[in-house]
Each structure stands twice: as C-alpha cells, then as structure tokens.
C-alpha cells in the first residue's frame, strides 16, 4: 500500500491527435477540455505531485484550460515535449524526470490525457493494492474492456522508462514483465478518445458512478 499523497503523476498530453484532426486534448466534453477531466480525477485522488506533458500546442491547451477554470493548473508542473512526433516514449521521458525527482515519490502514476473518464477511485485502488518486493507496477483491469490504464509504476519499474522507444507506451514492456505486474480488478471502463466519433460516443453516455 502506498499513500496517494506520496505519489506523483505524469499526464501524457503531447500527442498531435492526428486521427482526431488536431487539437484533441483541448476538445470539449461536458463543457470542459479533455485534459481538464483527467486533471480533476488526479487532483481528486490526492496525488502529491502532478506533471503534465504538452506538445507544440502547449499555449493553446493552457489557454483552453484557463478559459474554463483559471485555477485548473495551480500546483501543476507543465513540461513541454519539443518533439512529440518522435513518439509517446519521448513524452514519458520528458515528464518522468521531474515526476521522480527529489523528494522521491513512492510511485509514479502514468496517466493518459485522452482518457477523460479516468476515475479517482481507480487511482486510489492502485495505491491501496499490496505489492510484493520486486513488483514493477500496479495496473487496473476494467471489467468492461480489460483496459490497463492508468499505471502506477513502482521504483523497481522505473528503469523500464529508459527502455522505451518510439510511439510505444509501457504496455508491451509490462506485458513482458507480467509476473511482476499487479492487476487490480475495477468496475466500468476507461476509453480513449482517438476520433471525433469517440468523443461523441462518450458525450452520449452518462458519467459513471465511482
């Protein structure tokens, strides 16, 4: 078990959103940018340190966030990936440094900025799970779709970040370390928003209860 307040979070929001047609992370759901929903969940969970990784449209994203809530980014460290087209691995590297810096957190949550239905109770469940020595990560397994995000990366798993390349996240590496990954069953689902149709589908479904 890890106290939530002793964790850090890296929210990956630097992608170009090409399948969406651009501007995905600031697209609105229920009157707020997608990123605002993700940040709200991370804040609500009580995470101690939050790093948001943005791309070349950082200025536009920040403006969209502040237009809805001028305090939305209070206490949040914004890191900019100068070359997001080089892939997801570069964004994680950009955010992981400040997230894992001293005072060293007990774990680092990797959260995707295009999953606006991520829930605070899931983050707390990951932190509350028991992990044996040597475990590299704790991940959810949603009952509706078996989705594996967000991921709580434990200190033993931090070297995995340096092994990432290109547009691959932690999924393949964690699969190769399956015996050292703790899976926590949780209800519901945590869908990605990749296209405008995905966003429309989410907007038509009531916000699930936690």
N, C-alpha and C. Protein backbone atom coordinates (compact mmCIF):
# COMPACT_ATOMS: atom_id res chain seq x y z
N UNK A 1 0.84 -1.20 0.00
CA UNK A 1 0.00 0.00 0.00
C UNK A 1 0.87 1.25 0.00
N UNK A 2 0.51 2.22 -0.83
CA UNK A 2 1.24 3.48 -0.94
C UNK A 2 0.27 4.63 -0.65
N UNK A 3 0.58 5.52 0.27
CA UNK A 3 -0.27 6.69 0.46
C UNK A 3 -0.35 7.50 -0.83
N UNK A 4 -1.56 7.84 -1.26
CA UNK A 4 -1.73 8.54 -2.52
C UNK A 4 -0.94 9.85 -2.54
N UNK A 5 -0.88 10.52 -1.39
CA UNK A 5 -0.18 11.79 -1.33
C UNK A 5 1.31 11.67 -1.51
N UNK A 6 1.84 10.45 -1.45
CA UNK A 6 3.28 10.24 -1.66
C UNK A 6 3.60 9.80 -3.08
N UNK A 7 2.62 9.86 -3.95
CA UNK A 7 2.85 9.51 -5.35
C UNK A 7 2.96 10.76 -6.21
N UNK A 8 3.47 10.57 -7.41
CA UNK A 8 3.49 11.61 -8.43
C UNK A 8 2.72 11.08 -9.63
N UNK A 9 2.30 11.98 -10.51
CA UNK A 9 1.61 11.57 -11.73
C UNK A 9 2.20 12.29 -12.93
N UNK A 10 2.37 11.54 -14.01
CA UNK A 10 2.73 12.11 -15.30
C UNK A 10 1.52 11.96 -16.20
N UNK A 11 0.95 13.09 -16.63
CA UNK A 11 -0.18 13.06 -17.54
C UNK A 11 0.34 13.34 -18.94
N UNK A 12 0.19 12.36 -19.82
CA UNK A 12 0.74 12.46 -21.18
C UNK A 12 -0.29 13.09 -22.10
N UNK A 13 0.00 14.32 -22.54
CA UNK A 13 -0.97 15.07 -23.34
C UNK A 13 -0.27 15.84 -24.46
N UNK A 14 0.80 15.26 -25.01
CA UNK A 14 1.59 15.97 -26.02
C UNK A 14 1.32 15.48 -27.43
N UNK A 15 0.50 14.45 -27.58
CA UNK A 15 0.28 13.88 -28.91
C UNK A 15 -0.36 14.87 -29.87
N UNK A 16 -0.13 14.67 -31.16
CA UNK A 16 -0.67 15.57 -32.17
C UNK A 16 -2.15 15.35 -32.42
N UNK A 17 -2.67 14.18 -32.03
CA UNK A 17 -4.09 13.91 -32.24
C UNK A 17 -4.46 13.87 -33.71
N UNK A 18 -3.62 13.25 -34.54
CA UNK A 18 -3.84 13.26 -35.98
C UNK A 18 -5.15 12.58 -36.37
N UNK A 19 -5.50 11.49 -35.69
CA UNK A 19 -6.75 10.80 -36.01
C UNK A 19 -7.96 11.64 -35.63
N UNK A 20 -7.76 12.56 -34.70
CA UNK A 20 -8.85 13.43 -34.27
C UNK A 20 -8.98 14.64 -35.19
N UNK A 21 -7.91 14.93 -35.94
CA UNK A 21 -7.90 16.12 -36.77
C UNK A 21 -7.19 17.29 -36.12
N UNK A 22 -6.45 17.02 -35.02
CA UNK A 22 -5.72 18.04 -34.29
C UNK A 22 -6.54 18.63 -33.16
N UNK A 23 -5.82 19.17 -32.17
CA UNK A 23 -6.49 19.85 -31.06
C UNK A 23 -7.27 18.94 -30.13
N UNK A 24 -6.92 17.66 -30.13
CA UNK A 24 -7.74 16.71 -29.38
C UNK A 24 -7.78 17.00 -27.89
N UNK A 25 -6.64 17.29 -27.30
CA UNK A 25 -6.57 17.36 -25.85
C UNK A 25 -7.35 18.56 -25.29
N UNK A 26 -7.61 19.54 -26.16
CA UNK A 26 -8.41 20.68 -25.71
C UNK A 26 -9.85 20.63 -26.22
N UNK A 27 -10.19 19.56 -26.94
CA UNK A 27 -11.58 19.38 -27.35
C UNK A 27 -12.46 19.25 -26.11
N UNK A 28 -13.68 19.69 -26.20
CA UNK A 28 -14.52 19.76 -25.01
C UNK A 28 -15.47 18.58 -24.87
N UNK A 29 -15.59 18.13 -23.65
CA UNK A 29 -16.56 17.11 -23.24
C UNK A 29 -17.28 17.66 -22.03
N UNK A 30 -18.58 17.73 -22.09
CA UNK A 30 -19.36 18.28 -20.98
C UNK A 30 -18.89 19.69 -20.60
N UNK A 31 -18.50 20.48 -21.62
CA UNK A 31 -18.14 21.87 -21.39
C UNK A 31 -16.73 22.12 -20.88
N UNK A 32 -15.89 21.06 -20.84
CA UNK A 32 -14.51 21.23 -20.38
C UNK A 32 -13.57 20.49 -21.30
N UNK A 33 -12.32 20.97 -21.46
CA UNK A 33 -11.35 20.24 -22.27
C UNK A 33 -11.11 18.84 -21.71
N UNK A 34 -10.76 17.92 -22.58
CA UNK A 34 -10.48 16.55 -22.13
C UNK A 34 -9.46 16.54 -21.00
N UNK A 35 -8.41 17.35 -21.16
CA UNK A 35 -7.36 17.37 -20.15
C UNK A 35 -7.89 17.81 -18.79
N UNK A 36 -8.87 18.69 -18.77
CA UNK A 36 -9.44 19.15 -17.50
C UNK A 36 -10.09 18.01 -16.73
N UNK A 37 -10.75 17.11 -17.44
CA UNK A 37 -11.37 15.96 -16.79
C UNK A 37 -10.31 15.07 -16.14
N UNK A 38 -9.21 14.84 -16.88
CA UNK A 38 -8.14 13.98 -16.36
C UNK A 38 -7.50 14.63 -15.13
N UNK A 39 -7.19 15.91 -15.23
CA UNK A 39 -6.59 16.62 -14.10
C UNK A 39 -7.50 16.59 -12.88
N UNK A 40 -8.79 16.74 -13.09
CA UNK A 40 -9.73 16.72 -11.96
C UNK A 40 -9.66 15.39 -11.22
N UNK A 41 -9.60 14.30 -11.97
CA UNK A 41 -9.54 12.98 -11.34
C UNK A 41 -8.25 12.79 -10.54
N UNK A 42 -7.14 13.26 -11.11
CA UNK A 42 -5.85 13.12 -10.43
C UNK A 42 -5.82 13.98 -9.17
N UNK A 43 -6.32 15.19 -9.27
CA UNK A 43 -6.42 16.06 -8.09
C UNK A 43 -7.33 15.43 -7.03
N UNK A 44 -8.49 14.96 -7.46
CA UNK A 44 -9.45 14.39 -6.52
C UNK A 44 -8.87 13.19 -5.78
N UNK A 45 -8.05 12.41 -6.48
CA UNK A 45 -7.45 11.23 -5.84
C UNK A 45 -6.48 11.63 -4.74
N UNK A 46 -5.92 12.84 -4.82
CA UNK A 46 -4.99 13.30 -3.79
C UNK A 46 -3.54 13.08 -4.12
N UNK A 47 -3.20 12.92 -5.41
CA UNK A 47 -1.81 12.70 -5.82
C UNK A 47 -0.96 13.91 -5.40
N UNK A 48 0.23 13.62 -4.91
CA UNK A 48 1.05 14.67 -4.31
C UNK A 48 1.75 15.59 -5.30
N UNK A 49 2.14 15.08 -6.45
CA UNK A 49 2.87 15.88 -7.44
C UNK A 49 2.32 15.54 -8.82
N UNK A 50 2.02 16.57 -9.60
CA UNK A 50 1.42 16.34 -10.92
C UNK A 50 2.25 17.04 -11.98
N UNK A 51 2.64 16.27 -12.99
CA UNK A 51 3.36 16.80 -14.15
C UNK A 51 2.51 16.54 -15.38
N UNK A 52 2.23 17.58 -16.15
CA UNK A 52 1.50 17.45 -17.41
C UNK A 52 2.47 17.69 -18.55
N UNK A 53 2.54 16.75 -19.47
CA UNK A 53 3.43 16.89 -20.62
C UNK A 53 2.61 17.31 -21.83
N UNK A 54 2.92 18.49 -22.36
CA UNK A 54 2.23 19.03 -23.53
C UNK A 54 3.18 19.08 -24.72
N UNK A 55 2.61 19.31 -25.89
CA UNK A 55 3.41 19.39 -27.11
C UNK A 55 3.53 20.81 -27.61
N UNK A 56 3.64 20.95 -28.92
CA UNK A 56 3.88 22.27 -29.50
C UNK A 56 2.67 23.20 -29.36
N UNK A 57 1.49 22.63 -29.12
CA UNK A 57 0.31 23.47 -28.93
C UNK A 57 0.07 23.78 -27.46
N UNK A 58 1.14 23.75 -26.67
CA UNK A 58 1.01 23.95 -25.23
C UNK A 58 0.28 25.25 -24.91
N UNK A 59 0.62 26.32 -25.61
CA UNK A 59 -0.01 27.60 -25.32
C UNK A 59 -1.51 27.56 -25.52
N UNK A 60 -1.96 26.92 -26.60
CA UNK A 60 -3.39 26.82 -26.87
C UNK A 60 -4.09 25.94 -25.84
N UNK A 61 -3.42 24.87 -25.43
CA UNK A 61 -4.01 23.99 -24.41
C UNK A 61 -4.15 24.72 -23.08
N UNK A 62 -3.12 25.42 -22.67
CA UNK A 62 -3.17 26.16 -21.41
C UNK A 62 -4.25 27.23 -21.45
N UNK A 63 -4.38 27.90 -22.58
CA UNK A 63 -5.41 28.93 -22.71
C UNK A 63 -6.80 28.31 -22.60
N UNK A 64 -6.99 27.15 -23.23
CA UNK A 64 -8.29 26.48 -23.17
C UNK A 64 -8.63 26.05 -21.75
N UNK A 65 -7.62 25.59 -21.03
CA UNK A 65 -7.84 25.18 -19.65
C UNK A 65 -8.21 26.37 -18.77
N UNK A 66 -7.46 27.45 -18.92
CA UNK A 66 -7.69 28.62 -18.06
C UNK A 66 -8.98 29.34 -18.42
N UNK A 67 -9.44 29.17 -19.65
CA UNK A 67 -10.71 29.79 -20.04
C UNK A 67 -11.88 29.16 -19.29
N UNK A 68 -11.72 27.93 -18.89
CA UNK A 68 -12.77 27.23 -18.14
C UNK A 68 -12.60 27.41 -16.65
N UNK A 69 -11.32 27.36 -16.19
CA UNK A 69 -11.04 27.47 -14.75
C UNK A 69 -9.63 28.04 -14.59
N UNK A 70 -9.54 29.26 -14.11
CA UNK A 70 -8.22 29.90 -14.01
C UNK A 70 -7.32 29.21 -13.00
N UNK A 71 -7.89 28.38 -12.13
CA UNK A 71 -7.09 27.68 -11.11
C UNK A 71 -6.78 26.24 -11.51
N UNK A 72 -7.20 25.82 -12.70
CA UNK A 72 -7.10 24.41 -13.08
C UNK A 72 -5.67 23.89 -13.02
N UNK A 73 -4.69 24.74 -13.27
CA UNK A 73 -3.30 24.30 -13.34
C UNK A 73 -2.49 24.72 -12.12
N UNK A 74 -3.16 25.21 -11.09
CA UNK A 74 -2.45 25.59 -9.87
C UNK A 74 -1.73 24.38 -9.28
N UNK A 75 -0.45 24.54 -8.99
CA UNK A 75 0.32 23.45 -8.39
C UNK A 75 0.75 22.37 -9.36
N UNK A 76 0.45 22.56 -10.64
CA UNK A 76 0.80 21.56 -11.66
C UNK A 76 2.06 22.01 -12.40
N UNK A 77 3.00 21.11 -12.56
CA UNK A 77 4.20 21.40 -13.34
C UNK A 77 3.93 21.05 -14.80
N UNK A 78 4.09 22.00 -15.68
CA UNK A 78 3.89 21.77 -17.11
C UNK A 78 5.24 21.58 -17.77
N UNK A 79 5.41 20.45 -18.43
CA UNK A 79 6.63 20.16 -19.18
C UNK A 79 6.26 20.07 -20.66
N UNK A 80 7.10 20.60 -21.52
CA UNK A 80 6.81 20.61 -22.95
C UNK A 80 7.76 19.68 -23.69
N UNK A 81 7.19 18.77 -24.44
CA UNK A 81 7.98 17.88 -25.30
C UNK A 81 8.24 18.62 -26.61
N UNK A 82 9.49 18.95 -26.92
CA UNK A 82 9.78 19.72 -28.13
C UNK A 82 9.62 18.92 -29.41
N UNK A 83 9.54 17.59 -29.30
CA UNK A 83 9.44 16.75 -30.50
C UNK A 83 8.46 15.61 -30.27
N UNK A 84 7.18 15.91 -30.04
CA UNK A 84 6.22 14.85 -29.75
C UNK A 84 6.02 13.87 -30.89
N UNK A 85 6.36 14.31 -32.11
CA UNK A 85 6.21 13.41 -33.26
C UNK A 85 7.16 12.21 -33.17
N UNK A 86 8.15 12.29 -32.30
CA UNK A 86 9.08 11.16 -32.12
C UNK A 86 8.47 10.04 -31.31
N UNK A 87 7.28 10.27 -30.75
CA UNK A 87 6.57 9.17 -30.12
C UNK A 87 6.31 9.34 -28.64
N UNK A 88 5.42 8.49 -28.15
CA UNK A 88 4.98 8.54 -26.77
C UNK A 88 6.13 8.37 -25.78
N UNK A 89 7.12 7.58 -26.16
CA UNK A 89 8.25 7.34 -25.26
C UNK A 89 8.96 8.64 -24.90
N UNK A 90 9.04 9.57 -25.86
CA UNK A 90 9.73 10.83 -25.56
C UNK A 90 8.94 11.66 -24.55
N UNK A 91 7.61 11.62 -24.65
CA UNK A 91 6.79 12.37 -23.70
C UNK A 91 6.93 11.81 -22.29
N UNK A 92 6.96 10.49 -22.19
CA UNK A 92 7.11 9.89 -20.87
C UNK A 92 8.47 10.24 -20.28
N UNK A 93 9.49 10.25 -21.10
CA UNK A 93 10.83 10.62 -20.62
C UNK A 93 10.86 12.07 -20.14
N UNK A 94 10.21 12.97 -20.89
CA UNK A 94 10.16 14.38 -20.52
C UNK A 94 9.48 14.58 -19.17
N UNK A 95 8.40 13.84 -18.93
CA UNK A 95 7.66 14.02 -17.69
C UNK A 95 8.19 13.23 -16.52
N UNK A 96 8.84 12.10 -16.81
CA UNK A 96 9.25 11.23 -15.72
C UNK A 96 10.36 11.83 -14.89
N UNK A 97 11.24 12.59 -15.51
CA UNK A 97 12.33 13.21 -14.75
C UNK A 97 11.83 14.07 -13.62
N UNK A 98 11.01 15.09 -13.90
CA UNK A 98 10.51 15.92 -12.80
C UNK A 98 9.56 15.19 -11.88
N UNK A 99 8.85 14.19 -12.40
CA UNK A 99 7.91 13.47 -11.54
C UNK A 99 8.64 12.63 -10.49
N UNK A 100 9.79 12.08 -10.86
CA UNK A 100 10.52 11.19 -9.96
C UNK A 100 11.65 11.88 -9.20
N UNK A 101 11.78 13.20 -9.37
CA UNK A 101 12.85 13.94 -8.71
C UNK A 101 12.63 14.03 -7.21
N UNK A 102 13.68 14.38 -6.49
CA UNK A 102 13.60 14.53 -5.04
C UNK A 102 12.65 15.68 -4.68
N UNK A 103 11.90 15.54 -3.59
CA UNK A 103 11.79 14.35 -2.74
C UNK A 103 11.14 13.19 -3.50
N UNK A 104 11.84 12.07 -3.52
CA UNK A 104 11.45 10.95 -4.37
C UNK A 104 10.08 10.40 -3.97
N UNK A 105 9.15 10.29 -4.92
CA UNK A 105 7.83 9.73 -4.61
C UNK A 105 7.89 8.22 -4.42
N UNK A 106 6.85 7.69 -3.81
CA UNK A 106 6.79 6.24 -3.59
C UNK A 106 6.39 5.49 -4.85
N UNK A 107 5.83 6.20 -5.81
CA UNK A 107 5.42 5.60 -7.07
C UNK A 107 5.05 6.71 -8.03
N UNK A 108 5.08 6.41 -9.32
CA UNK A 108 4.73 7.40 -10.34
C UNK A 108 3.58 6.84 -11.19
N UNK A 109 2.47 7.55 -11.17
CA UNK A 109 1.33 7.19 -12.00
C UNK A 109 1.53 7.71 -13.41
N UNK A 110 1.29 6.86 -14.39
CA UNK A 110 1.33 7.27 -15.78
C UNK A 110 -0.12 7.31 -16.26
N UNK A 111 -0.57 8.52 -16.59
CA UNK A 111 -1.98 8.76 -16.91
C UNK A 111 -2.06 9.33 -18.32
N UNK A 112 -3.02 8.85 -19.11
CA UNK A 112 -3.18 9.32 -20.48
C UNK A 112 -4.15 10.49 -20.52
N UNK A 113 -3.73 11.55 -21.21
CA UNK A 113 -4.54 12.76 -21.25
C UNK A 113 -5.77 12.66 -22.12
N UNK A 114 -5.90 11.58 -22.91
CA UNK A 114 -7.09 11.43 -23.76
C UNK A 114 -8.06 10.38 -23.22
N UNK A 115 -8.00 10.17 -21.90
CA UNK A 115 -8.95 9.27 -21.24
C UNK A 115 -9.72 10.07 -20.19
N UNK A 116 -10.70 10.87 -20.63
CA UNK A 116 -11.38 11.79 -19.72
C UNK A 116 -12.28 11.13 -18.69
N UNK A 117 -12.52 9.84 -18.81
CA UNK A 117 -13.34 9.13 -17.82
C UNK A 117 -12.49 8.41 -16.77
N UNK A 118 -11.20 8.68 -16.76
CA UNK A 118 -10.36 8.11 -15.70
C UNK A 118 -10.92 8.56 -14.35
N UNK A 119 -10.87 7.68 -13.35
CA UNK A 119 -11.57 7.96 -12.09
C UNK A 119 -10.60 7.99 -10.91
N UNK A 120 -10.92 8.88 -9.97
CA UNK A 120 -10.11 8.99 -8.76
C UNK A 120 -10.13 7.71 -7.94
N UNK A 121 -11.27 7.02 -7.91
CA UNK A 121 -11.34 5.80 -7.09
C UNK A 121 -10.44 4.70 -7.64
N UNK A 122 -10.21 4.69 -8.96
CA UNK A 122 -9.30 3.71 -9.54
C UNK A 122 -7.87 4.02 -9.13
N UNK A 123 -7.50 5.28 -9.17
CA UNK A 123 -6.16 5.68 -8.73
C UNK A 123 -5.94 5.28 -7.27
N UNK A 124 -6.93 5.53 -6.44
CA UNK A 124 -6.81 5.15 -5.02
C UNK A 124 -6.70 3.63 -4.86
N UNK A 125 -7.44 2.89 -5.69
CA UNK A 125 -7.39 1.43 -5.61
C UNK A 125 -6.00 0.91 -5.96
N UNK A 126 -5.36 1.53 -6.93
CA UNK A 126 -4.00 1.11 -7.28
C UNK A 126 -3.05 1.35 -6.12
N UNK A 127 -3.20 2.50 -5.48
CA UNK A 127 -2.31 2.82 -4.35
C UNK A 127 -2.58 1.94 -3.15
N UNK A 128 -3.81 1.48 -3.01
CA UNK A 128 -4.18 0.65 -1.85
C UNK A 128 -3.80 -0.82 -2.03
N UNK A 129 -3.43 -1.22 -3.24
CA UNK A 129 -3.11 -2.62 -3.50
C UNK A 129 -1.79 -3.01 -2.85
N UNK A 130 -1.72 -4.26 -2.45
CA UNK A 130 -0.48 -4.80 -1.89
C UNK A 130 0.43 -5.26 -3.02
N UNK A 131 1.69 -4.91 -2.92
CA UNK A 131 2.66 -5.30 -3.94
C UNK A 131 3.86 -5.96 -3.27
N UNK A 132 4.23 -7.16 -3.69
CA UNK A 132 5.40 -7.82 -3.09
C UNK A 132 6.69 -7.15 -3.52
N UNK A 133 7.77 -7.37 -2.79
CA UNK A 133 9.07 -6.83 -3.21
C UNK A 133 9.40 -7.27 -4.63
N UNK A 134 9.90 -6.36 -5.42
CA UNK A 134 10.25 -6.69 -6.79
C UNK A 134 9.16 -6.38 -7.80
N UNK A 135 7.95 -6.08 -7.34
CA UNK A 135 6.89 -5.72 -8.27
C UNK A 135 7.27 -4.43 -8.99
N UNK A 136 6.99 -4.36 -10.30
CA UNK A 136 7.39 -3.19 -11.08
C UNK A 136 6.24 -2.21 -11.28
N UNK A 137 5.00 -2.69 -11.21
CA UNK A 137 3.87 -1.80 -11.48
C UNK A 137 2.58 -2.40 -10.94
N UNK A 138 1.62 -1.50 -10.76
CA UNK A 138 0.25 -1.90 -10.40
C UNK A 138 -0.67 -1.28 -11.44
N UNK A 139 -1.50 -2.10 -12.05
CA UNK A 139 -2.38 -1.62 -13.12
C UNK A 139 -3.80 -2.12 -12.91
N UNK A 140 -4.78 -1.36 -13.36
CA UNK A 140 -6.16 -1.82 -13.24
C UNK A 140 -6.51 -2.83 -14.32
N UNK A 141 -7.55 -3.58 -14.09
CA UNK A 141 -8.16 -4.40 -15.15
C UNK A 141 -9.66 -4.10 -15.10
N UNK A 142 -10.11 -3.23 -16.00
CA UNK A 142 -11.51 -2.83 -16.00
C UNK A 142 -12.39 -3.99 -16.45
N UNK A 143 -13.51 -4.15 -15.76
CA UNK A 143 -14.37 -5.30 -16.05
C UNK A 143 -15.00 -5.20 -17.44
N UNK A 144 -15.21 -3.97 -17.95
CA UNK A 144 -15.91 -3.82 -19.22
C UNK A 144 -15.02 -4.06 -20.43
N UNK A 145 -13.73 -3.73 -20.32
CA UNK A 145 -12.88 -3.85 -21.51
C UNK A 145 -11.44 -4.29 -21.20
N UNK A 146 -11.18 -4.62 -19.94
CA UNK A 146 -9.84 -5.08 -19.52
C UNK A 146 -8.76 -4.04 -19.78
N UNK A 147 -9.14 -2.75 -19.90
CA UNK A 147 -8.16 -1.69 -20.14
C UNK A 147 -7.15 -1.61 -18.99
N UNK A 148 -5.88 -1.28 -19.28
CA UNK A 148 -4.82 -1.33 -18.27
C UNK A 148 -4.32 0.02 -17.77
N UNK A 149 -5.07 1.09 -17.97
CA UNK A 149 -4.57 2.42 -17.58
C UNK A 149 -5.50 3.07 -16.55
N UNK A 150 -4.94 3.95 -15.71
CA UNK A 150 -3.53 4.37 -15.60
C UNK A 150 -2.67 3.30 -14.93
N UNK A 151 -1.38 3.48 -14.98
CA UNK A 151 -0.43 2.53 -14.40
C UNK A 151 0.34 3.22 -13.28
N UNK A 152 0.43 2.54 -12.14
CA UNK A 152 1.27 3.02 -11.04
C UNK A 152 2.61 2.31 -11.15
N UNK A 153 3.61 3.05 -11.57
CA UNK A 153 4.94 2.48 -11.77
C UNK A 153 5.71 2.57 -10.45
N UNK A 154 6.07 1.42 -9.92
CA UNK A 154 6.81 1.34 -8.67
C UNK A 154 8.31 1.54 -8.92
N UNK A 155 9.07 1.91 -7.89
CA UNK A 155 10.50 2.19 -8.12
C UNK A 155 11.25 1.08 -8.86
N UNK A 156 10.91 -0.18 -8.59
CA UNK A 156 11.59 -1.28 -9.29
C UNK A 156 11.33 -1.25 -10.79
N UNK A 157 10.26 -0.57 -11.20
CA UNK A 157 9.92 -0.50 -12.61
C UNK A 157 10.40 0.76 -13.31
N UNK A 158 10.97 1.68 -12.57
CA UNK A 158 11.39 2.94 -13.19
C UNK A 158 12.43 2.76 -14.28
N UNK A 159 13.35 1.80 -14.18
CA UNK A 159 14.31 1.61 -15.29
C UNK A 159 13.64 1.25 -16.61
N UNK A 160 12.38 0.78 -16.57
CA UNK A 160 11.68 0.45 -17.81
C UNK A 160 11.50 1.68 -18.69
N UNK A 161 11.37 2.85 -18.06
CA UNK A 161 11.14 4.08 -18.83
C UNK A 161 12.28 4.33 -19.81
N UNK A 162 13.50 4.07 -19.37
CA UNK A 162 14.67 4.30 -20.23
C UNK A 162 14.72 3.33 -21.41
N UNK A 163 13.97 2.23 -21.32
CA UNK A 163 13.98 1.24 -22.40
C UNK A 163 12.95 1.54 -23.48
N UNK A 164 12.07 2.50 -23.23
CA UNK A 164 11.01 2.80 -24.19
C UNK A 164 11.57 3.51 -25.42
N UNK A 165 10.98 3.20 -26.57
CA UNK A 165 11.38 3.85 -27.82
C UNK A 165 10.16 4.09 -28.69
N UNK A 166 10.25 5.14 -29.49
CA UNK A 166 9.21 5.40 -30.48
C UNK A 166 7.85 5.69 -29.87
N UNK A 167 6.81 5.23 -30.55
CA UNK A 167 5.44 5.54 -30.15
C UNK A 167 4.83 4.44 -29.31
N UNK A 168 5.67 3.78 -28.52
CA UNK A 168 5.19 2.71 -27.66
C UNK A 168 5.18 3.18 -26.20
N UNK A 169 4.07 2.91 -25.52
CA UNK A 169 3.98 3.21 -24.11
C UNK A 169 4.51 2.04 -23.29
N UNK A 170 4.07 1.97 -22.06
CA UNK A 170 4.57 0.94 -21.16
C UNK A 170 3.96 -0.44 -21.40
N UNK A 171 2.84 -0.48 -22.14
CA UNK A 171 2.12 -1.74 -22.30
C UNK A 171 2.95 -2.94 -22.69
N UNK A 172 3.70 -2.87 -23.80
CA UNK A 172 4.49 -4.04 -24.21
C UNK A 172 5.53 -4.45 -23.18
N UNK A 173 6.19 -3.48 -22.54
CA UNK A 173 7.20 -3.82 -21.54
C UNK A 173 6.56 -4.46 -20.32
N UNK A 174 5.42 -3.92 -19.89
CA UNK A 174 4.75 -4.51 -18.73
C UNK A 174 4.25 -5.92 -19.05
N UNK A 175 3.85 -6.14 -20.29
CA UNK A 175 3.44 -7.49 -20.68
C UNK A 175 4.60 -8.46 -20.58
N UNK A 176 5.80 -7.99 -20.90
CA UNK A 176 6.98 -8.85 -20.82
C UNK A 176 7.40 -9.10 -19.38
N UNK A 177 6.90 -8.24 -18.47
CA UNK A 177 7.20 -8.39 -17.04
C UNK A 177 5.95 -8.80 -16.28
N UNK A 178 5.10 -9.59 -16.91
CA UNK A 178 3.75 -9.85 -16.40
C UNK A 178 3.74 -10.37 -14.96
N UNK A 179 4.71 -11.18 -14.60
CA UNK A 179 4.72 -11.75 -13.26
C UNK A 179 5.01 -10.71 -12.19
N UNK A 180 5.59 -9.60 -12.59
CA UNK A 180 5.92 -8.54 -11.64
C UNK A 180 4.93 -7.38 -11.68
N UNK A 181 3.83 -7.55 -12.41
CA UNK A 181 2.79 -6.52 -12.51
C UNK A 181 1.55 -6.97 -11.75
N UNK A 182 1.12 -6.18 -10.78
CA UNK A 182 -0.06 -6.49 -10.00
C UNK A 182 -1.28 -5.93 -10.73
N UNK A 183 -2.30 -6.75 -10.93
CA UNK A 183 -3.52 -6.33 -11.61
C UNK A 183 -4.64 -6.17 -10.59
N UNK A 184 -5.31 -5.03 -10.64
CA UNK A 184 -6.38 -4.73 -9.69
C UNK A 184 -7.71 -4.66 -10.44
N UNK A 185 -8.65 -5.58 -10.18
CA UNK A 185 -9.94 -5.52 -10.86
C UNK A 185 -10.74 -4.29 -10.41
N UNK A 186 -11.29 -3.56 -11.37
CA UNK A 186 -12.13 -2.40 -11.08
C UNK A 186 -13.34 -2.45 -12.02
N UNK A 187 -14.41 -1.80 -11.61
CA UNK A 187 -15.61 -1.82 -12.44
C UNK A 187 -15.54 -0.76 -13.54
N UNK A 188 -16.41 -0.90 -14.52
CA UNK A 188 -16.52 0.11 -15.56
C UNK A 188 -15.50 -0.03 -16.65
N UNK A 189 -15.20 1.11 -17.30
CA UNK A 189 -14.27 1.15 -18.43
C UNK A 189 -13.53 2.48 -18.41
N UNK A 190 -12.48 2.58 -19.22
CA UNK A 190 -11.70 3.81 -19.30
C UNK A 190 -11.30 4.03 -20.76
N UNK A 191 -12.25 4.44 -21.60
CA UNK A 191 -11.98 4.51 -23.04
C UNK A 191 -11.09 5.67 -23.45
N UNK A 192 -10.33 5.44 -24.51
CA UNK A 192 -9.55 6.50 -25.16
C UNK A 192 -10.48 7.34 -26.03
N UNK A 193 -10.08 8.58 -26.25
CA UNK A 193 -10.69 9.40 -27.28
C UNK A 193 -9.66 9.56 -28.39
N UNK A 194 -9.86 8.85 -29.48
CA UNK A 194 -8.94 8.92 -30.62
C UNK A 194 -9.52 9.69 -31.78
N UNK A 195 -10.85 9.69 -31.93
CA UNK A 195 -11.52 10.31 -33.07
C UNK A 195 -12.69 11.15 -32.58
N UNK A 196 -13.21 12.04 -33.43
CA UNK A 196 -14.42 12.78 -33.05
C UNK A 196 -15.59 11.86 -32.72
N UNK A 197 -15.66 10.71 -33.39
CA UNK A 197 -16.74 9.77 -33.10
C UNK A 197 -16.62 9.22 -31.69
N UNK A 198 -15.39 8.97 -31.23
CA UNK A 198 -15.18 8.51 -29.85
C UNK A 198 -15.69 9.54 -28.86
N UNK A 199 -15.41 10.81 -29.14
CA UNK A 199 -15.85 11.89 -28.26
C UNK A 199 -17.37 11.98 -28.24
N UNK A 200 -17.99 11.85 -29.40
CA UNK A 200 -19.44 11.89 -29.47
C UNK A 200 -20.06 10.73 -28.70
N UNK A 201 -19.44 9.57 -28.79
CA UNK A 201 -19.95 8.41 -28.04
C UNK A 201 -19.89 8.65 -26.54
N UNK A 202 -18.76 9.21 -26.07
CA UNK A 202 -18.63 9.49 -24.64
C UNK A 202 -19.65 10.53 -24.18
N UNK A 203 -19.87 11.55 -25.01
CA UNK A 203 -20.78 12.62 -24.65
C UNK A 203 -22.22 12.12 -24.52
N UNK A 204 -22.51 11.01 -25.19
CA UNK A 204 -23.88 10.48 -25.16
C UNK A 204 -24.14 9.54 -23.99
N UNK A 205 -23.08 9.21 -23.25
CA UNK A 205 -23.20 8.26 -22.14
C UNK A 205 -23.06 9.01 -20.82
N UNK A 206 -23.98 8.80 -19.86
CA UNK A 206 -23.87 9.48 -18.57
C UNK A 206 -22.55 9.16 -17.87
N UNK A 207 -22.04 10.11 -17.11
CA UNK A 207 -20.81 9.89 -16.35
C UNK A 207 -21.05 8.76 -15.36
N UNK A 208 -20.19 7.72 -15.39
CA UNK A 208 -20.39 6.58 -14.49
C UNK A 208 -20.16 6.96 -13.03
N UNK A 209 -20.87 6.28 -12.15
CA UNK A 209 -20.65 6.48 -10.73
C UNK A 209 -19.35 5.82 -10.29
N UNK A 210 -18.70 6.44 -9.31
CA UNK A 210 -17.47 5.84 -8.78
C UNK A 210 -17.79 4.93 -7.62
